[in-house]
Amino acid sequence: MALSSKSLRIAEQAAHQYLVLDDKDDVNTTVSSMIDDTQSILNEIDEKLSYDALFEYDIDLRARKIAVIDVIHDVLDNFNNTLKDVRKNKETK
């Protein structure tokens, strides 16, 4: 799947279709599994980088691949910060 607004809409529709979004256990189990899978993929990418895998691509494609990692990092960082804010708000109530 490509990183685009279209792919995000498709994934959101899938979440509505395949998850019981009101069920905390279903949501937490699914998201936890997705996070584990993402961590595994990140570990594989990190391992490949130790063997200079990015240098198999020309400079423009290398820059694009780095940009994808940067965007994913920013999205996850923003998501994490949003979750922290929700937690703070719950703790102060």
PDB file of N, CA and C in Angstrom:
ATOM      1  N   MET A   1       0.850  -1.171   0.000  1.00  0.00           N
ATOM      2  CA  MET A   1       0.000   0.000   0.000  1.00  0.00           C
ATOM      3  C   MET A   1       0.898   1.237   0.000  1.00  0.00           C
ATOM      4  N   ALA A   2       0.531   2.207  -0.797  1.00  0.00           N
ATOM      5  CA  ALA A   2       1.297   3.444  -0.896  1.00  0.00           C
ATOM      6  C   ALA A   2       0.898   4.401   0.228  1.00  0.00           C
ATOM      7  N   LEU A   3       1.780   5.317   0.512  1.00  0.00           N
ATOM      8  CA  LEU A   3       1.524   6.327   1.531  1.00  0.00           C
ATOM      9  C   LEU A   3       0.805   7.495   0.864  1.00  0.00           C
ATOM     10  N   SER A   4      -0.510   7.562   1.049  1.00  0.00           N
ATOM     11  CA  SER A   4      -1.298   8.621   0.428  1.00  0.00           C
ATOM     12  C   SER A   4      -2.603   8.802   1.196  1.00  0.00           C
ATOM     13  N   SER A   5      -3.296   9.886   0.900  1.00  0.00           N
ATOM     14  CA  SER A   5      -4.585  10.116   1.555  1.00  0.00           C
ATOM     15  C   SER A   5      -5.592   9.043   1.141  1.00  0.00           C
ATOM     16  N   LYS A   6      -5.482   8.536  -0.091  1.00  0.00           N
ATOM     17  CA  LYS A   6      -6.379   7.477  -0.551  1.00  0.00           C
ATOM     18  C   LYS A   6      -6.165   6.203   0.265  1.00  0.00           C
ATOM     19  N   SER A   7      -4.903   5.841   0.497  1.00  0.00           N
ATOM     20  CA  SER A   7      -4.640   4.618   1.266  1.00  0.00           C
ATOM     21  C   SER A   7      -5.110   4.778   2.713  1.00  0.00           C
ATOM     22  N   LEU A   8      -5.035   5.980   3.248  1.00  0.00           N
ATOM     23  CA  LEU A   8      -5.527   6.228   4.605  1.00  0.00           C
ATOM     24  C   LEU A   8      -7.051   6.050   4.660  1.00  0.00           C
ATOM     25  N   ARG A   9      -7.757   6.549   3.660  1.00  0.00           N
ATOM     26  CA  ARG A   9      -9.218   6.380   3.616  1.00  0.00           C
ATOM     27  C   ARG A   9      -9.582   4.902   3.515  1.00  0.00           C
ATOM     28  N   ILE A  10      -8.852   4.153   2.701  1.00  0.00           N
ATOM     29  CA  ILE A  10      -9.120   2.711   2.559  1.00  0.00           C
ATOM     30  C   ILE A  10      -8.888   1.996   3.890  1.00  0.00           C
ATOM     31  N   ALA A  11      -7.805   2.336   4.563  1.00  0.00           N
ATOM     32  CA  ALA A  11      -7.506   1.712   5.859  1.00  0.00           C
ATOM     33  C   ALA A  11      -8.552   2.092   6.907  1.00  0.00           C
ATOM     34  N   GLU A  12      -9.023   3.325   6.858  1.00  0.00           N
ATOM     35  CA  GLU A  12     -10.058   3.753   7.805  1.00  0.00           C
ATOM     36  C   GLU A  12     -11.357   2.984   7.559  1.00  0.00           C
ATOM     37  N   GLN A  13     -11.719   2.796   6.302  1.00  0.00           N
ATOM     38  CA  GLN A  13     -12.916   2.016   5.969  1.00  0.00           C
ATOM     39  C   GLN A  13     -12.765   0.575   6.452  1.00  0.00           C
ATOM     40  N   ALA A  14     -11.575   0.022   6.301  1.00  0.00           N
ATOM     41  CA  ALA A  14     -11.320  -1.347   6.772  1.00  0.00           C
ATOM     42  C   ALA A  14     -11.473  -1.432   8.285  1.00  0.00           C
ATOM     43  N   ALA A  15     -11.001  -0.418   8.998  1.00  0.00           N
ATOM     44  CA  ALA A  15     -11.141  -0.409  10.454  1.00  0.00           C
ATOM     45  C   ALA A  15     -12.616  -0.432  10.846  1.00  0.00           C
ATOM     46  N   HIS A  16     -13.422   0.350  10.151  1.00  0.00           N
ATOM     47  CA  HIS A  16     -14.858   0.357  10.436  1.00  0.00           C
ATOM     48  C   HIS A  16     -15.497  -0.982  10.090  1.00  0.00           C
ATOM     49  N   GLN A  17     -15.010  -1.608   9.043  1.00  0.00           N
ATOM     50  CA  GLN A  17     -15.619  -2.852   8.570  1.00  0.00           C
ATOM     51  C   GLN A  17     -15.217  -4.068   9.405  1.00  0.00           C
ATOM     52  N   TYR A  18     -13.954  -4.126   9.839  1.00  0.00           N
ATOM     53  CA  TYR A  18     -13.448  -5.352  10.447  1.00  0.00           C
ATOM     54  C   TYR A  18     -13.245  -5.285  11.958  1.00  0.00           C
ATOM     55  N   LEU A  19     -13.332  -4.104  12.539  1.00  0.00           N
ATOM     56  CA  LEU A  19     -13.153  -3.979  13.985  1.00  0.00           C
ATOM     57  C   LEU A  19     -14.451  -3.565  14.649  1.00  0.00           C
ATOM     58  N   VAL A  20     -14.619  -4.002  15.870  1.00  0.00           N
ATOM     59  CA  VAL A  20     -15.709  -3.491  16.694  1.00  0.00           C
ATOM     60  C   VAL A  20     -15.093  -2.313  17.448  1.00  0.00           C
ATOM     61  N   LEU A  21     -15.264  -1.123  16.891  1.00  0.00           N
ATOM     62  CA  LEU A  21     -14.556   0.050  17.391  1.00  0.00           C
ATOM     63  C   LEU A  21     -15.000   0.478  18.789  1.00  0.00           C
ATOM     64  N   ASP A  22     -16.130  -0.024  19.259  1.00  0.00           N
ATOM     65  CA  ASP A  22     -16.585   0.258  20.625  1.00  0.00           C
ATOM     66  C   ASP A  22     -16.043  -0.751  21.629  1.00  0.00           C
ATOM     67  N   ASP A  23     -15.400  -1.810  21.148  1.00  0.00           N
ATOM     68  CA  ASP A  23     -14.882  -2.877  22.009  1.00  0.00           C
ATOM     69  C   ASP A  23     -13.411  -2.608  22.309  1.00  0.00           C
ATOM     70  N   LYS A  24     -13.122  -2.200  23.539  1.00  0.00           N
ATOM     71  CA  LYS A  24     -11.747  -1.852  23.920  1.00  0.00           C
ATOM     72  C   LYS A  24     -10.781  -3.006  23.698  1.00  0.00           C
ATOM     73  N   ASP A  25     -11.207  -4.229  24.040  1.00  0.00           N
ATOM     74  CA  ASP A  25     -10.316  -5.385  23.865  1.00  0.00           C
ATOM     75  C   ASP A  25      -9.989  -5.619  22.396  1.00  0.00           C
ATOM     76  N   ASP A  26     -10.986  -5.533  21.532  1.00  0.00           N
ATOM     77  CA  ASP A  26     -10.771  -5.738  20.098  1.00  0.00           C
ATOM     78  C   ASP A  26      -9.823  -4.680  19.545  1.00  0.00           C
ATOM     79  N   VAL A  27     -10.076  -3.436  19.891  1.00  0.00           N
ATOM     80  CA  VAL A  27      -9.235  -2.340  19.409  1.00  0.00           C
ATOM     81  C   VAL A  27      -7.815  -2.473  19.958  1.00  0.00           C
ATOM     82  N   ASN A  28      -7.685  -2.686  21.267  1.00  0.00           N
ATOM     83  CA  ASN A  28      -6.350  -2.768  21.875  1.00  0.00           C
ATOM     84  C   ASN A  28      -5.554  -3.957  21.344  1.00  0.00           C
ATOM     85  N   THR A  29      -6.198  -5.110  21.173  1.00  0.00           N
ATOM     86  CA  THR A  29      -5.512  -6.285  20.653  1.00  0.00           C
ATOM     87  C   THR A  29      -5.042  -6.050  19.221  1.00  0.00           C
ATOM     88  N   THR A  30      -5.920  -5.496  18.406  1.00  0.00           N
ATOM     89  CA  THR A  30      -5.580  -5.252  17.000  1.00  0.00           C
ATOM     90  C   THR A  30      -4.468  -4.225  16.871  1.00  0.00           C
ATOM     91  N   VAL A  31      -4.599  -3.111  17.577  1.00  0.00           N
ATOM     92  CA  VAL A  31      -3.583  -2.057  17.483  1.00  0.00           C
ATOM     93  C   VAL A  31      -2.252  -2.544  18.043  1.00  0.00           C
ATOM     94  N   SER A  32      -2.285  -3.289  19.137  1.00  0.00           N
ATOM     95  CA  SER A  32      -1.053  -3.830  19.706  1.00  0.00           C
ATOM     96  C   SER A  32      -0.352  -4.751  18.710  1.00  0.00           C
ATOM     97  N   SER A  33      -1.125  -5.577  18.024  1.00  0.00           N
ATOM     98  CA  SER A  33      -0.561  -6.470  17.008  1.00  0.00           C
ATOM     99  C   SER A  33       0.041  -5.662  15.854  1.00  0.00           C
ATOM    100  N   MET A  34      -0.643  -4.603  15.443  1.00  0.00           N
ATOM    101  CA  MET A  34      -0.141  -3.758  14.362  1.00  0.00           C
ATOM    102  C   MET A  34       1.169  -3.077  14.779  1.00  0.00           C
ATOM    103  N   ILE A  35       1.250  -2.645  16.020  1.00  0.00           N
ATOM    104  CA  ILE A  35       2.464  -2.005  16.529  1.00  0.00           C
ATOM    105  C   ILE A  35       3.610  -3.010  16.555  1.00  0.00           C
ATOM    106  N   ASP A  36       3.329  -4.243  17.005  1.00  0.00           N
ATOM    107  CA  ASP A  36       4.357  -5.297  17.001  1.00  0.00           C
ATOM    108  C   ASP A  36       4.862  -5.564  15.586  1.00  0.00           C
ATOM    109  N   ASP A  37       3.927  -5.648  14.626  1.00  0.00           N
ATOM    110  CA  ASP A  37       4.319  -5.879  13.235  1.00  0.00           C
ATOM    111  C   ASP A  37       5.168  -4.726  12.705  1.00  0.00           C
ATOM    112  N   THR A  38       4.766  -3.503  13.040  1.00  0.00           N
ATOM    113  CA  THR A  38       5.515  -2.321  12.600  1.00  0.00           C
ATOM    114  C   THR A  38       6.919  -2.330  13.195  1.00  0.00           C
ATOM    115  N   GLN A  39       7.027  -2.686  14.465  1.00  0.00           N
ATOM    116  CA  GLN A  39       8.340  -2.753  15.112  1.00  0.00           C
ATOM    117  C   GLN A  39       9.221  -3.797  14.431  1.00  0.00           C
ATOM    118  N   SER A  40       8.636  -4.927  14.076  1.00  0.00           N
ATOM    119  CA  SER A  40       9.388  -5.976  13.391  1.00  0.00           C
ATOM    120  C   SER A  40       9.905  -5.477  12.037  1.00  0.00           C
ATOM    121  N   ILE A  41       9.064  -4.786  11.296  1.00  0.00           N
ATOM    122  CA  ILE A  41       9.470  -4.242  10.001  1.00  0.00           C
ATOM    123  C   ILE A  41      10.567  -3.199  10.176  1.00  0.00           C
ATOM    124  N   LEU A  42      10.419  -2.330  11.174  1.00  0.00           N
ATOM    125  CA  LEU A  42      11.450  -1.317  11.433  1.00  0.00           C
ATOM    126  C   LEU A  42      12.787  -1.971  11.794  1.00  0.00           C
ATOM    127  N   ASN A  43      12.732  -3.053  12.558  1.00  0.00           N
ATOM    128  CA  ASN A  43      13.962  -3.768  12.905  1.00  0.00           C
ATOM    129  C   ASN A  43      14.617  -4.365  11.661  1.00  0.00           C
ATOM    130  N   GLU A  44      13.791  -4.900  10.747  1.00  0.00           N
ATOM    131  CA  GLU A  44      14.333  -5.451   9.499  1.00  0.00           C
ATOM    132  C   GLU A  44      14.973  -4.350   8.654  1.00  0.00           C
ATOM    133  N   ILE A  45      14.319  -3.193   8.566  1.00  0.00           N
ATOM    134  CA  ILE A  45      14.881  -2.069   7.813  1.00  0.00           C
ATOM    135  C   ILE A  45      16.199  -1.640   8.429  1.00  0.00           C
ATOM    136  N   ASP A  46      16.238  -1.540   9.750  1.00  0.00           N
ATOM    137  CA  ASP A  46      17.459  -1.143  10.447  1.00  0.00           C
ATOM    138  C   ASP A  46      18.597  -2.117  10.159  1.00  0.00           C
ATOM    139  N   GLU A  47      18.276  -3.409  10.157  1.00  0.00           N
ATOM    140  CA  GLU A  47      19.294  -4.421   9.862  1.00  0.00           C
ATOM    141  C   GLU A  47      19.816  -4.267   8.427  1.00  0.00           C
ATOM    142  N   LYS A  48      18.919  -4.033   7.489  1.00  0.00           N
ATOM    143  CA  LYS A  48      19.324  -3.862   6.094  1.00  0.00           C
ATOM    144  C   LYS A  48      20.179  -2.613   5.914  1.00  0.00           C
ATOM    145  N   LEU A  49      19.884  -1.581   6.693  1.00  0.00           N
ATOM    146  CA  LEU A  49      20.684  -0.356   6.602  1.00  0.00           C
ATOM    147  C   LEU A  49      22.128  -0.600   7.036  1.00  0.00           C
ATOM    148  N   SER A  50      22.309  -1.518   7.965  1.00  0.00           N
ATOM    149  CA  SER A  50      23.675  -1.815   8.403  1.00  0.00           C
ATOM    150  C   SER A  50      24.500  -2.442   7.278  1.00  0.00           C
ATOM    151  N   TYR A  51      23.806  -2.958   6.249  1.00  0.00           N
ATOM    152  CA  TYR A  51      24.501  -3.519   5.081  1.00  0.00           C
ATOM    153  C   TYR A  51      24.444  -2.554   3.888  1.00  0.00           C
ATOM    154  N   ASP A  52      24.227  -1.257   4.182  1.00  0.00           N
ATOM    155  CA  ASP A  52      24.218  -0.200   3.164  1.00  0.00           C
ATOM    156  C   ASP A  52      23.167  -0.416   2.081  1.00  0.00           C
ATOM    157  N   ALA A  53      22.009  -0.948   2.446  1.00  0.00           N
ATOM    158  CA  ALA A  53      20.957  -1.243   1.467  1.00  0.00           C
ATOM    159  C   ALA A  53      20.491  -0.001   0.710  1.00  0.00           C
ATOM    160  N   LEU A  54      20.466   1.144   1.366  1.00  0.00           N
ATOM    161  CA  LEU A  54      20.007   2.352   0.674  1.00  0.00           C
ATOM    162  C   LEU A  54      20.937   2.759  -0.467  1.00  0.00           C
ATOM    163  N   PHE A  55      22.166   2.353  -0.396  1.00  0.00           N
ATOM    164  CA  PHE A  55      23.126   2.751  -1.424  1.00  0.00           C
ATOM    165  C   PHE A  55      23.025   1.898  -2.683  1.00  0.00           C
ATOM    166  N   GLU A  56      22.048   0.985  -2.711  1.00  0.00           N
ATOM    167  CA  GLU A  56      21.753   0.227  -3.923  1.00  0.00           C
ATOM    168  C   GLU A  56      20.849   1.036  -4.853  1.00  0.00           C
ATOM    169  N   TYR A  57      20.341   2.166  -4.382  1.00  0.00           N
ATOM    170  CA  TYR A  57      19.428   3.011  -5.151  1.00  0.00           C
ATOM    171  C   TYR A  57      20.131   4.286  -5.591  1.00  0.00           C
ATOM    172  N   ASP A  58      19.622   4.892  -6.684  1.00  0.00           N
ATOM    173  CA  ASP A  58      20.189   6.173  -7.093  1.00  0.00           C
ATOM    174  C   ASP A  58      19.799   7.235  -6.061  1.00  0.00           C
ATOM    175  N   ILE A  59      20.411   8.382  -6.143  1.00  0.00           N
ATOM    176  CA  ILE A  59      20.264   9.417  -5.113  1.00  0.00           C
ATOM    177  C   ILE A  59      18.806   9.851  -4.946  1.00  0.00           C
ATOM    178  N   ASP A  60      18.079  10.029  -6.040  1.00  0.00           N
ATOM    179  CA  ASP A  60      16.692  10.486  -5.927  1.00  0.00           C
ATOM    180  C   ASP A  60      15.805   9.450  -5.245  1.00  0.00           C
ATOM    181  N   LEU A  61      15.941   8.201  -5.616  1.00  0.00           N
ATOM    182  CA  LEU A  61      15.143   7.154  -4.992  1.00  0.00           C
ATOM    183  C   LEU A  61      15.559   6.957  -3.530  1.00  0.00           C
ATOM    184  N   ARG A  62      16.835   7.090  -3.262  1.00  0.00           N
ATOM    185  CA  ARG A  62      17.324   7.005  -1.881  1.00  0.00           C
ATOM    186  C   ARG A  62      16.683   8.105  -1.038  1.00  0.00           C
ATOM    187  N   ALA A  63      16.640   9.329  -1.579  1.00  0.00           N
ATOM    188  CA  ALA A  63      16.027  10.456  -0.867  1.00  0.00           C
ATOM    189  C   ALA A  63      14.545  10.189  -0.617  1.00  0.00           C
ATOM    190  N   ARG A  64      13.860   9.606  -1.609  1.00  0.00           N
ATOM    191  CA  ARG A  64      12.437   9.305  -1.447  1.00  0.00           C
ATOM    192  C   ARG A  64      12.224   8.287  -0.342  1.00  0.00           C
ATOM    193  N   LYS A  65      13.066   7.262  -0.282  1.00  0.00           N
ATOM    194  CA  LYS A  65      12.930   6.235   0.754  1.00  0.00           C
ATOM    195  C   LYS A  65      13.186   6.825   2.140  1.00  0.00           C
ATOM    196  N   ILE A  66      14.155   7.704   2.236  1.00  0.00           N
ATOM    197  CA  ILE A  66      14.426   8.382   3.509  1.00  0.00           C
ATOM    198  C   ILE A  66      13.248   9.282   3.877  1.00  0.00           C
ATOM    199  N   ALA A  67      12.675   9.949   2.879  1.00  0.00           N
ATOM    200  CA  ALA A  67      11.521  10.827   3.122  1.00  0.00           C
ATOM    201  C   ALA A  67      10.336  10.036   3.665  1.00  0.00           C
ATOM    202  N   VAL A  68      10.114   8.823   3.144  1.00  0.00           N
ATOM    203  CA  VAL A  68       9.013   7.989   3.642  1.00  0.00           C
ATOM    204  C   VAL A  68       9.214   7.686   5.122  1.00  0.00           C
ATOM    205  N   ILE A  69      10.431   7.322   5.497  1.00  0.00           N
ATOM    206  CA  ILE A  69      10.715   7.037   6.911  1.00  0.00           C
ATOM    207  C   ILE A  69      10.504   8.293   7.756  1.00  0.00           C
ATOM    208  N   ASP A  70      10.902   9.449   7.233  1.00  0.00           N
ATOM    209  CA  ASP A  70      10.736  10.712   7.955  1.00  0.00           C
ATOM    210  C   ASP A  70       9.258  11.039   8.152  1.00  0.00           C
ATOM    211  N   VAL A  71       8.451  10.856   7.119  1.00  0.00           N
ATOM    212  CA  VAL A  71       7.012  11.127   7.229  1.00  0.00           C
ATOM    213  C   VAL A  71       6.363  10.168   8.221  1.00  0.00           C
ATOM    214  N   ILE A  72       6.717   8.892   8.133  1.00  0.00           N
ATOM    215  CA  ILE A  72       6.163   7.910   9.077  1.00  0.00           C
ATOM    216  C   ILE A  72       6.549   8.277  10.500  1.00  0.00           C
ATOM    217  N   HIS A  73       7.793   8.670  10.703  1.00  0.00           N
ATOM    218  CA  HIS A  73       8.247   9.104  12.027  1.00  0.00           C
ATOM    219  C   HIS A  73       7.409  10.266  12.530  1.00  0.00           C
ATOM    220  N   ASP A  74       7.211  11.276  11.676  1.00  0.00           N
ATOM    221  CA  ASP A  74       6.447  12.457  12.084  1.00  0.00           C
ATOM    222  C   ASP A  74       4.999  12.115  12.408  1.00  0.00           C
ATOM    223  N   VAL A  75       4.390  11.266  11.591  1.00  0.00           N
ATOM    224  CA  VAL A  75       3.003  10.868  11.830  1.00  0.00           C
ATOM    225  C   VAL A  75       2.888  10.113  13.159  1.00  0.00           C
ATOM    226  N   LEU A  76       3.802   9.173  13.400  1.00  0.00           N
ATOM    227  CA  LEU A  76       3.765   8.411  14.649  1.00  0.00           C
ATOM    228  C   LEU A  76       4.058   9.287  15.859  1.00  0.00           C
ATOM    229  N   ASP A  77       4.987  10.220  15.714  1.00  0.00           N
ATOM    230  CA  ASP A  77       5.302  11.145  16.806  1.00  0.00           C
ATOM    231  C   ASP A  77       4.089  12.014  17.137  1.00  0.00           C
ATOM    232  N   ASN A  78       3.433  12.517  16.110  1.00  0.00           N
ATOM    233  CA  ASN A  78       2.241  13.331  16.316  1.00  0.00           C
ATOM    234  C   ASN A  78       1.137  12.506  16.969  1.00  0.00           C
ATOM    235  N   PHE A  79       0.935  11.285  16.483  1.00  0.00           N
ATOM    236  CA  PHE A  79      -0.075  10.390  17.055  1.00  0.00           C
ATOM    237  C   PHE A  79       0.238  10.113  18.524  1.00  0.00           C
ATOM    238  N   ASN A  80       1.491   9.831  18.821  1.00  0.00           N
ATOM    239  CA  ASN A  80       1.910   9.575  20.193  1.00  0.00           C
ATOM    240  C   ASN A  80       1.634  10.779  21.081  1.00  0.00           C
ATOM    241  N   ASN A  81       1.967  11.965  20.614  1.00  0.00           N
ATOM    242  CA  ASN A  81       1.723  13.172  21.400  1.00  0.00           C
ATOM    243  C   ASN A  81       0.241  13.399  21.631  1.00  0.00           C
ATOM    244  N   THR A  82      -0.581  13.088  20.645  1.00  0.00           N
ATOM    245  CA  THR A  82      -2.024  13.201  20.807  1.00  0.00           C
ATOM    246  C   THR A  82      -2.517  12.234  21.877  1.00  0.00           C
ATOM    247  N   LEU A  83      -2.011  11.010  21.859  1.00  0.00           N
ATOM    248  CA  LEU A  83      -2.412  10.040  22.882  1.00  0.00           C
ATOM    249  C   LEU A  83      -1.969  10.475  24.264  1.00  0.00           C
ATOM    250  N   LYS A  84      -0.808  11.046  24.380  1.00  0.00           N
ATOM    251  CA  LYS A  84      -0.343  11.539  25.675  1.00  0.00           C
ATOM    252  C   LYS A  84      -1.288  12.598  26.210  1.00  0.00           C
ATOM    253  N   ASP A  85      -1.753  13.497  25.332  1.00  0.00           N
ATOM    254  CA  ASP A  85      -2.662  14.548  25.753  1.00  0.00           C
ATOM    255  C   ASP A  85      -3.973  13.971  26.258  1.00  0.00           C
ATOM    256  N   VAL A  86      -4.481  12.949  25.613  1.00  0.00           N
ATOM    257  CA  VAL A  86      -5.702  12.303  26.052  1.00  0.00           C
ATOM    258  C   VAL A  86      -5.489  11.702  27.442  1.00  0.00           C
ATOM    259  N   ARG A  87      -4.344  11.067  27.621  1.00  0.00           N
ATOM    260  CA  ARG A  87      -4.044  10.447  28.921  1.00  0.00           C
ATOM    261  C   ARG A  87      -3.963  11.512  30.008  1.00  0.00           C
ATOM    262  N   LYS A  88      -3.275  12.617  29.737  1.00  0.00           N
ATOM    263  CA  LYS A  88      -3.190  13.712  30.720  1.00  0.00           C
ATOM    264  C   LYS A  88      -4.563  14.223  31.079  1.00  0.00           C
ATOM    265  N   ASN A  89      -5.419  14.409  30.069  1.00  0.00           N
ATOM    266  CA  ASN A  89      -6.770  14.915  30.329  1.00  0.00           C
ATOM    267  C   ASN A  89      -7.569  13.956  31.185  1.00  0.00           C
ATOM    268  N   LYS A  90      -7.420  12.653  30.969  1.00  0.00           N
ATOM    269  CA  LYS A  90      -8.141  11.666  31.775  1.00  0.00           C
ATOM    270  C   LYS A  90      -7.637  11.654  33.211  1.00  0.00           C
ATOM    271  N   GLU A  91      -6.323  11.823  33.394  1.00  0.00           N
ATOM    272  CA  GLU A  91      -5.735  11.781  34.727  1.00  0.00           C
ATOM    273  C   GLU A  91      -6.117  12.994  35.558  1.00  0.00           C
ATOM    274  N   THR A  92      -6.373  14.123  34.929  1.00  0.00           N
ATOM    275  CA  THR A  92      -6.690  15.341  35.674  1.00  0.00           C
ATOM    276  C   THR A  92      -8.161  15.440  36.009  1.00  0.00           C
ATOM    277  N   LYS A  93      -8.994  14.576  35.429  1.00  0.00           N
ATOM    278  CA  LYS A  93     -10.444  14.627  35.702  1.00  0.00           C
ATOM    279  C   LYS A  93     -10.799  13.894  36.945  1.00  0.00           C
TER     280      LYS A  93
END
